[in-house]
Amino acid sequence: MVDNLASNSEQFDTALVELRRLMRGLNEGSDEFFGALSGIRGNLDATTELIGDLRPSVSASIARIRELGDTVRRGTPVITDALDVLPLMVGAFVRSMSYGSHLQVYNCSLGLRLIGEKPVWIGSPNGLHSEACS
């Protein structure tokens, strides 16, 4: 090992000089380094407190989003049917508005249905359609 060090003494000396330079630089910059660590700790404390304050409302929001997701999942067939009819409805509105910037529509039937419930028909007490559309 001594022979190996002796044959590479120039490289070993260079490594020692560079190591000494590194240690001196670290020692000179230690105040800034430890000051930065202190600042980071203060920021972490503030962030931890903020997260602690937000956690209950975030948890409640996540629970509501899950409920909404379940509702949408259960109602997907109804939503899909409504979206399938949408182009027909838009076409009807466009045709009726071709006479001006007003909407000329006579509603024969209007039903509202909540997911899992029977529809509630609005407008005609005697049936699905008003008398004018029967």
N, C-alpha and C. Protein backbone atom coordinates (compact mmCIF):
# COMPACT_ATOMS: atom_id res chain seq x y z
N MET A 1 0.82 -1.18 0.00
CA MET A 1 0.00 0.00 0.00
C MET A 1 0.88 1.26 0.00
N VAL A 2 1.97 1.20 0.77
CA VAL A 2 2.88 2.35 0.82
C VAL A 2 3.52 2.56 -0.54
N ASP A 3 3.87 1.46 -1.22
CA ASP A 3 4.44 1.58 -2.56
C ASP A 3 3.42 2.20 -3.52
N ASN A 4 2.18 1.80 -3.42
CA ASN A 4 1.11 2.33 -4.27
C ASN A 4 0.94 3.82 -4.03
N LEU A 5 0.93 4.25 -2.75
CA LEU A 5 0.81 5.68 -2.43
C LEU A 5 2.03 6.44 -2.94
N ALA A 6 3.19 5.83 -2.79
CA ALA A 6 4.42 6.52 -3.24
C ALA A 6 4.41 6.71 -4.75
N SER A 7 3.89 5.71 -5.50
CA SER A 7 3.86 5.84 -6.95
C SER A 7 2.80 6.84 -7.41
N ASN A 8 1.79 7.10 -6.58
CA ASN A 8 0.72 8.05 -6.94
C ASN A 8 0.72 9.27 -6.01
N SER A 9 1.88 9.62 -5.50
CA SER A 9 1.95 10.68 -4.49
C SER A 9 1.48 12.03 -5.03
N GLU A 10 1.71 12.30 -6.29
CA GLU A 10 1.28 13.58 -6.86
C GLU A 10 -0.25 13.67 -6.88
N GLN A 11 -0.90 12.59 -7.30
CA GLN A 11 -2.38 12.57 -7.31
C GLN A 11 -2.92 12.61 -5.88
N PHE A 12 -2.25 11.92 -4.95
CA PHE A 12 -2.69 11.92 -3.56
C PHE A 12 -2.57 13.32 -2.97
N ASP A 13 -1.46 14.01 -3.28
CA ASP A 13 -1.29 15.38 -2.79
C ASP A 13 -2.38 16.29 -3.35
N THR A 14 -2.69 16.13 -4.62
CA THR A 14 -3.75 16.95 -5.24
C THR A 14 -5.09 16.67 -4.57
N ALA A 15 -5.38 15.42 -4.30
CA ALA A 15 -6.64 15.06 -3.62
C ALA A 15 -6.71 15.68 -2.24
N LEU A 16 -5.59 15.66 -1.50
CA LEU A 16 -5.58 16.26 -0.16
C LEU A 16 -5.79 17.78 -0.22
N VAL A 17 -5.15 18.43 -1.20
CA VAL A 17 -5.33 19.87 -1.35
C VAL A 17 -6.78 20.21 -1.67
N GLU A 18 -7.38 19.44 -2.57
CA GLU A 18 -8.79 19.69 -2.93
C GLU A 18 -9.72 19.41 -1.75
N LEU A 19 -9.43 18.36 -0.98
CA LEU A 19 -10.25 18.04 0.20
C LEU A 19 -10.14 19.16 1.23
N ARG A 20 -8.92 19.69 1.43
CA ARG A 20 -8.72 20.80 2.36
C ARG A 20 -9.50 22.04 1.88
N ARG A 21 -9.46 22.32 0.57
CA ARG A 21 -10.18 23.46 0.01
C ARG A 21 -11.70 23.29 0.22
N LEU A 22 -12.19 22.07 0.00
CA LEU A 22 -13.63 21.79 0.20
C LEU A 22 -14.01 22.02 1.65
N MET A 23 -13.21 21.51 2.59
CA MET A 23 -13.53 21.66 4.00
C MET A 23 -13.50 23.13 4.43
N ARG A 24 -12.54 23.88 3.90
CA ARG A 24 -12.45 25.30 4.22
C ARG A 24 -13.70 26.03 3.70
N GLY A 25 -14.12 25.70 2.46
CA GLY A 25 -15.31 26.34 1.89
C GLY A 25 -16.56 26.00 2.68
N LEU A 26 -16.68 24.74 3.10
CA LEU A 26 -17.84 24.35 3.91
C LEU A 26 -17.84 25.07 5.25
N ASN A 27 -16.66 25.18 5.84
CA ASN A 27 -16.55 25.86 7.12
C ASN A 27 -16.89 27.34 6.99
N GLU A 28 -16.42 27.98 5.93
CA GLU A 28 -16.70 29.40 5.73
C GLU A 28 -18.19 29.65 5.44
N GLY A 29 -18.86 28.71 4.77
CA GLY A 29 -20.27 28.91 4.43
C GLY A 29 -21.24 28.27 5.40
N SER A 30 -20.73 27.82 6.56
CA SER A 30 -21.60 27.10 7.49
C SER A 30 -22.71 27.99 8.06
N ASP A 31 -22.40 29.28 8.29
CA ASP A 31 -23.44 30.17 8.84
C ASP A 31 -24.62 30.29 7.87
N GLU A 32 -24.32 30.47 6.59
CA GLU A 32 -25.39 30.57 5.59
C GLU A 32 -26.15 29.25 5.48
N PHE A 33 -25.40 28.15 5.52
CA PHE A 33 -26.04 26.83 5.39
C PHE A 33 -26.99 26.57 6.55
N PHE A 34 -26.50 26.77 7.78
CA PHE A 34 -27.35 26.50 8.94
C PHE A 34 -28.46 27.53 9.08
N GLY A 35 -28.21 28.76 8.62
CA GLY A 35 -29.28 29.77 8.59
C GLY A 35 -30.39 29.37 7.64
N ALA A 36 -30.00 28.83 6.48
CA ALA A 36 -31.01 28.36 5.52
C ALA A 36 -31.80 27.20 6.10
N LEU A 37 -31.12 26.29 6.80
CA LEU A 37 -31.84 25.17 7.42
C LEU A 37 -32.85 25.66 8.45
N SER A 38 -32.48 26.70 9.19
CA SER A 38 -33.40 27.28 10.16
C SER A 38 -34.63 27.87 9.46
N GLY A 39 -34.39 28.56 8.33
CA GLY A 39 -35.51 29.11 7.56
C GLY A 39 -36.41 28.02 7.01
N ILE A 40 -35.81 26.94 6.54
CA ILE A 40 -36.59 25.82 6.02
C ILE A 40 -37.46 25.24 7.12
N ARG A 41 -36.90 25.12 8.32
CA ARG A 41 -37.67 24.57 9.44
C ARG A 41 -38.87 25.46 9.74
N GLY A 42 -38.67 26.78 9.74
CA GLY A 42 -39.79 27.70 9.97
C GLY A 42 -40.87 27.54 8.92
N ASN A 43 -40.46 27.40 7.66
CA ASN A 43 -41.44 27.20 6.58
C ASN A 43 -42.17 25.88 6.74
N LEU A 44 -41.46 24.83 7.13
CA LEU A 44 -42.11 23.53 7.34
C LEU A 44 -43.12 23.60 8.48
N ASP A 45 -42.78 24.31 9.54
CA ASP A 45 -43.72 24.45 10.66
C ASP A 45 -44.99 25.17 10.22
N ALA A 46 -44.83 26.25 9.45
CA ALA A 46 -45.99 27.00 8.96
C ALA A 46 -46.82 26.16 8.01
N THR A 47 -46.16 25.40 7.14
CA THR A 47 -46.87 24.54 6.19
C THR A 47 -47.62 23.44 6.92
N THR A 48 -47.00 22.85 7.93
CA THR A 48 -47.65 21.80 8.71
C THR A 48 -48.91 22.35 9.40
N GLU A 49 -48.80 23.56 9.94
CA GLU A 49 -49.96 24.18 10.59
C GLU A 49 -51.08 24.45 9.58
N LEU A 50 -50.71 24.94 8.41
CA LEU A 50 -51.69 25.22 7.36
C LEU A 50 -52.40 23.93 6.92
N ILE A 51 -51.63 22.88 6.72
CA ILE A 51 -52.23 21.59 6.32
C ILE A 51 -53.15 21.08 7.41
N GLY A 52 -52.75 21.25 8.66
CA GLY A 52 -53.61 20.83 9.77
C GLY A 52 -54.92 21.59 9.78
N ASP A 53 -54.86 22.89 9.44
CA ASP A 53 -56.09 23.69 9.39
C ASP A 53 -56.98 23.29 8.23
N LEU A 54 -56.37 22.94 7.09
CA LEU A 54 -57.14 22.61 5.88
C LEU A 54 -57.67 21.18 5.86
N ARG A 55 -57.05 20.29 6.60
CA ARG A 55 -57.39 18.87 6.52
C ARG A 55 -58.88 18.58 6.71
N PRO A 56 -59.56 19.14 7.72
CA PRO A 56 -61.00 18.81 7.87
C PRO A 56 -61.83 19.22 6.66
N SER A 57 -61.61 20.43 6.12
CA SER A 57 -62.43 20.85 4.99
C SER A 57 -62.08 20.07 3.74
N VAL A 58 -60.81 19.71 3.56
CA VAL A 58 -60.43 18.89 2.40
C VAL A 58 -61.05 17.50 2.52
N SER A 59 -61.04 16.93 3.72
CA SER A 59 -61.65 15.62 3.92
C SER A 59 -63.15 15.65 3.62
N ALA A 60 -63.81 16.71 4.07
CA ALA A 60 -65.25 16.84 3.78
C ALA A 60 -65.49 17.00 2.29
N SER A 61 -64.64 17.78 1.62
CA SER A 61 -64.79 17.96 0.17
C SER A 61 -64.57 16.65 -0.57
N ILE A 62 -63.60 15.88 -0.16
CA ILE A 62 -63.34 14.59 -0.80
C ILE A 62 -64.55 13.67 -0.62
N ALA A 63 -65.15 13.68 0.56
CA ALA A 63 -66.33 12.86 0.79
C ALA A 63 -67.48 13.29 -0.13
N ARG A 64 -67.66 14.59 -0.30
CA ARG A 64 -68.73 15.07 -1.20
C ARG A 64 -68.44 14.72 -2.65
N ILE A 65 -67.17 14.79 -3.05
CA ILE A 65 -66.80 14.43 -4.42
C ILE A 65 -67.07 12.94 -4.65
N ARG A 66 -66.80 12.12 -3.66
CA ARG A 66 -67.09 10.68 -3.79
C ARG A 66 -68.60 10.44 -3.94
N GLU A 67 -69.40 11.18 -3.14
CA GLU A 67 -70.85 11.06 -3.26
C GLU A 67 -71.31 11.47 -4.66
N LEU A 68 -70.75 12.57 -5.18
CA LEU A 68 -71.09 13.02 -6.52
C LEU A 68 -70.70 11.97 -7.54
N GLY A 69 -69.52 11.39 -7.39
CA GLY A 69 -69.08 10.34 -8.31
C GLY A 69 -70.01 9.15 -8.28
N ASP A 70 -70.45 8.75 -7.09
CA ASP A 70 -71.40 7.64 -7.00
C ASP A 70 -72.72 7.99 -7.68
N THR A 71 -73.19 9.22 -7.48
CA THR A 71 -74.44 9.65 -8.11
C THR A 71 -74.31 9.65 -9.63
N VAL A 72 -73.20 10.17 -10.13
CA VAL A 72 -72.98 10.21 -11.58
C VAL A 72 -72.88 8.78 -12.12
N ARG A 73 -72.19 7.91 -11.40
CA ARG A 73 -72.06 6.52 -11.85
C ARG A 73 -73.44 5.85 -11.92
N ARG A 74 -74.26 6.06 -10.89
CA ARG A 74 -75.61 5.46 -10.92
C ARG A 74 -76.46 6.08 -12.02
N GLY A 75 -76.25 7.36 -12.29
CA GLY A 75 -77.08 8.06 -13.26
C GLY A 75 -76.53 8.07 -14.67
N THR A 76 -75.44 7.36 -14.92
CA THR A 76 -74.82 7.39 -16.24
C THR A 76 -75.79 7.03 -17.36
N PRO A 77 -76.64 6.02 -17.23
CA PRO A 77 -77.58 5.74 -18.33
C PRO A 77 -78.52 6.92 -18.62
N VAL A 78 -79.00 7.57 -17.58
CA VAL A 78 -79.90 8.71 -17.76
C VAL A 78 -79.16 9.87 -18.39
N ILE A 79 -77.95 10.13 -17.91
CA ILE A 79 -77.14 11.22 -18.46
C ILE A 79 -76.81 10.94 -19.92
N THR A 80 -76.47 9.71 -20.23
CA THR A 80 -76.15 9.33 -21.61
C THR A 80 -77.35 9.53 -22.52
N ASP A 81 -78.53 9.11 -22.05
CA ASP A 81 -79.75 9.30 -22.85
C ASP A 81 -80.01 10.79 -23.10
N ALA A 82 -79.82 11.61 -22.06
CA ALA A 82 -80.05 13.04 -22.21
C ALA A 82 -79.06 13.65 -23.21
N LEU A 83 -77.81 13.22 -23.14
CA LEU A 83 -76.82 13.75 -24.08
C LEU A 83 -77.07 13.25 -25.50
N ASP A 84 -77.62 12.05 -25.65
CA ASP A 84 -77.94 11.54 -26.98
C ASP A 84 -79.03 12.38 -27.65
N VAL A 85 -79.97 12.90 -26.86
CA VAL A 85 -81.09 13.68 -27.39
C VAL A 85 -80.71 15.15 -27.60
N LEU A 86 -79.64 15.58 -26.97
CA LEU A 86 -79.25 16.99 -27.02
C LEU A 86 -79.10 17.54 -28.43
N PRO A 87 -78.45 16.83 -29.38
CA PRO A 87 -78.35 17.40 -30.74
C PRO A 87 -79.72 17.64 -31.39
N LEU A 88 -80.67 16.77 -31.13
CA LEU A 88 -82.02 16.96 -31.68
C LEU A 88 -82.67 18.21 -31.09
N MET A 89 -82.48 18.39 -29.77
CA MET A 89 -83.06 19.56 -29.12
C MET A 89 -82.42 20.83 -29.63
N VAL A 90 -81.11 20.84 -29.78
CA VAL A 90 -80.42 22.03 -30.28
C VAL A 90 -80.87 22.34 -31.70
N GLY A 91 -81.02 21.29 -32.52
CA GLY A 91 -81.51 21.50 -33.89
C GLY A 91 -82.90 22.11 -33.90
N ALA A 92 -83.76 21.66 -32.99
CA ALA A 92 -85.11 22.23 -32.91
C ALA A 92 -85.06 23.69 -32.48
N PHE A 93 -84.21 24.02 -31.53
CA PHE A 93 -84.08 25.40 -31.10
C PHE A 93 -83.53 26.28 -32.21
N VAL A 94 -82.56 25.78 -32.96
CA VAL A 94 -81.98 26.56 -34.06
C VAL A 94 -83.04 26.84 -35.12
N ARG A 95 -83.83 25.82 -35.47
CA ARG A 95 -84.90 26.02 -36.46
C ARG A 95 -85.91 27.04 -35.97
N SER A 96 -86.29 26.96 -34.71
CA SER A 96 -87.31 27.88 -34.21
C SER A 96 -86.77 29.29 -34.08
N MET A 97 -85.46 29.45 -33.94
CA MET A 97 -84.88 30.79 -33.82
C MET A 97 -84.52 31.38 -35.18
N SER A 98 -84.82 30.68 -36.25
CA SER A 98 -84.48 31.20 -37.58
C SER A 98 -85.36 32.39 -37.95
N TYR A 99 -86.42 32.65 -37.20
CA TYR A 99 -87.30 33.79 -37.47
C TYR A 99 -86.84 35.05 -36.75
N GLY A 100 -85.86 34.95 -35.90
CA GLY A 100 -85.37 36.12 -35.16
C GLY A 100 -84.59 35.68 -33.94
N SER A 101 -84.24 36.63 -33.11
CA SER A 101 -83.43 36.32 -31.94
C SER A 101 -84.29 35.95 -30.74
N HIS A 102 -85.45 35.42 -31.01
CA HIS A 102 -86.34 34.97 -29.94
C HIS A 102 -86.61 33.48 -30.14
N LEU A 103 -87.08 32.84 -29.12
CA LEU A 103 -87.28 31.40 -29.16
C LEU A 103 -88.78 31.11 -29.21
N GLN A 104 -89.21 30.47 -30.28
CA GLN A 104 -90.61 30.12 -30.43
C GLN A 104 -90.75 28.62 -30.22
N VAL A 105 -91.07 28.25 -29.01
CA VAL A 105 -91.17 26.83 -28.66
C VAL A 105 -92.45 26.63 -27.87
N TYR A 106 -93.17 25.58 -28.22
CA TYR A 106 -94.32 25.18 -27.43
C TYR A 106 -93.95 23.85 -26.80
N ASN A 107 -93.95 23.81 -25.49
CA ASN A 107 -93.55 22.61 -24.78
C ASN A 107 -94.74 21.68 -24.61
N CYS A 108 -94.68 20.54 -25.28
CA CYS A 108 -95.76 19.56 -25.15
C CYS A 108 -95.66 18.80 -23.84
N SER A 109 -94.48 18.50 -23.42
CA SER A 109 -94.32 17.80 -22.14
C SER A 109 -92.95 18.11 -21.56
N LEU A 110 -92.91 18.13 -20.25
CA LEU A 110 -91.66 18.36 -19.56
C LEU A 110 -91.68 17.50 -18.31
N GLY A 111 -90.71 16.65 -18.20
CA GLY A 111 -90.62 15.79 -17.03
C GLY A 111 -89.27 15.93 -16.37
N LEU A 112 -89.28 15.89 -15.07
CA LEU A 112 -88.05 15.91 -14.29
C LEU A 112 -87.94 14.59 -13.55
N ARG A 113 -86.74 14.02 -13.59
CA ARG A 113 -86.58 12.75 -12.89
C ARG A 113 -85.25 12.75 -12.17
N LEU A 114 -85.32 12.46 -10.89
CA LEU A 114 -84.10 12.26 -10.13
C LEU A 114 -83.68 10.81 -10.30
N ILE A 115 -82.42 10.57 -10.16
CA ILE A 115 -81.91 9.22 -10.36
C ILE A 115 -82.59 8.27 -9.39
N GLY A 116 -83.13 7.21 -9.94
CA GLY A 116 -83.80 6.20 -9.13
C GLY A 116 -85.24 6.52 -8.79
N GLU A 117 -85.76 7.64 -9.26
CA GLU A 117 -87.13 8.05 -8.95
C GLU A 117 -87.96 8.02 -10.23
N LYS A 118 -89.30 8.02 -10.06
CA LYS A 118 -90.19 8.14 -11.21
C LYS A 118 -90.20 9.59 -11.68
N PRO A 119 -90.42 9.82 -12.98
CA PRO A 119 -90.44 11.21 -13.45
C PRO A 119 -91.65 11.97 -12.93
N VAL A 120 -91.47 13.25 -12.72
CA VAL A 120 -92.56 14.15 -12.36
C VAL A 120 -92.85 14.98 -13.60
N TRP A 121 -94.07 14.83 -14.17
CA TRP A 121 -94.43 15.53 -15.41
C TRP A 121 -95.02 16.87 -15.06
N ILE A 122 -94.58 17.89 -15.75
CA ILE A 122 -95.00 19.26 -15.47
C ILE A 122 -95.88 19.75 -16.61
N GLY A 123 -96.99 20.35 -16.28
CA GLY A 123 -97.81 21.00 -17.30
C GLY A 123 -99.17 20.37 -17.50
N SER A 124 -99.29 19.08 -17.51
CA SER A 124 -100.57 18.45 -17.80
C SER A 124 -100.98 17.53 -16.65
N PRO A 125 -102.09 17.86 -15.99
CA PRO A 125 -102.53 17.00 -14.89
C PRO A 125 -103.15 15.69 -15.40
N ASN A 126 -103.57 15.62 -16.68
CA ASN A 126 -104.30 14.46 -17.19
C ASN A 126 -103.43 13.45 -17.93
N GLY A 127 -102.20 13.75 -18.17
CA GLY A 127 -101.39 12.81 -18.93
C GLY A 127 -100.03 13.36 -19.23
N LEU A 128 -99.34 12.65 -20.11
CA LEU A 128 -97.98 12.99 -20.44
C LEU A 128 -97.86 14.26 -21.25
N HIS A 129 -98.84 14.55 -22.11
CA HIS A 129 -98.77 15.68 -23.01
C HIS A 129 -99.89 16.67 -22.71
N SER A 130 -99.67 17.93 -23.04
CA SER A 130 -100.72 18.91 -22.88
C SER A 130 -101.81 18.66 -23.94
N GLU A 131 -102.96 19.27 -23.82
CA GLU A 131 -104.06 19.04 -24.76
C GLU A 131 -103.70 19.44 -26.17
N ALA A 132 -102.89 20.49 -26.33
CA ALA A 132 -102.53 20.97 -27.67
C ALA A 132 -101.66 19.96 -28.40
N CYS A 133 -100.93 19.13 -27.70
CA CYS A 133 -100.02 18.18 -28.33
C CYS A 133 -100.62 16.78 -28.44
N SER A 134 -101.74 16.55 -27.83
CA SER A 134 -102.33 15.20 -27.84
C SER A 134 -102.82 14.80 -29.20
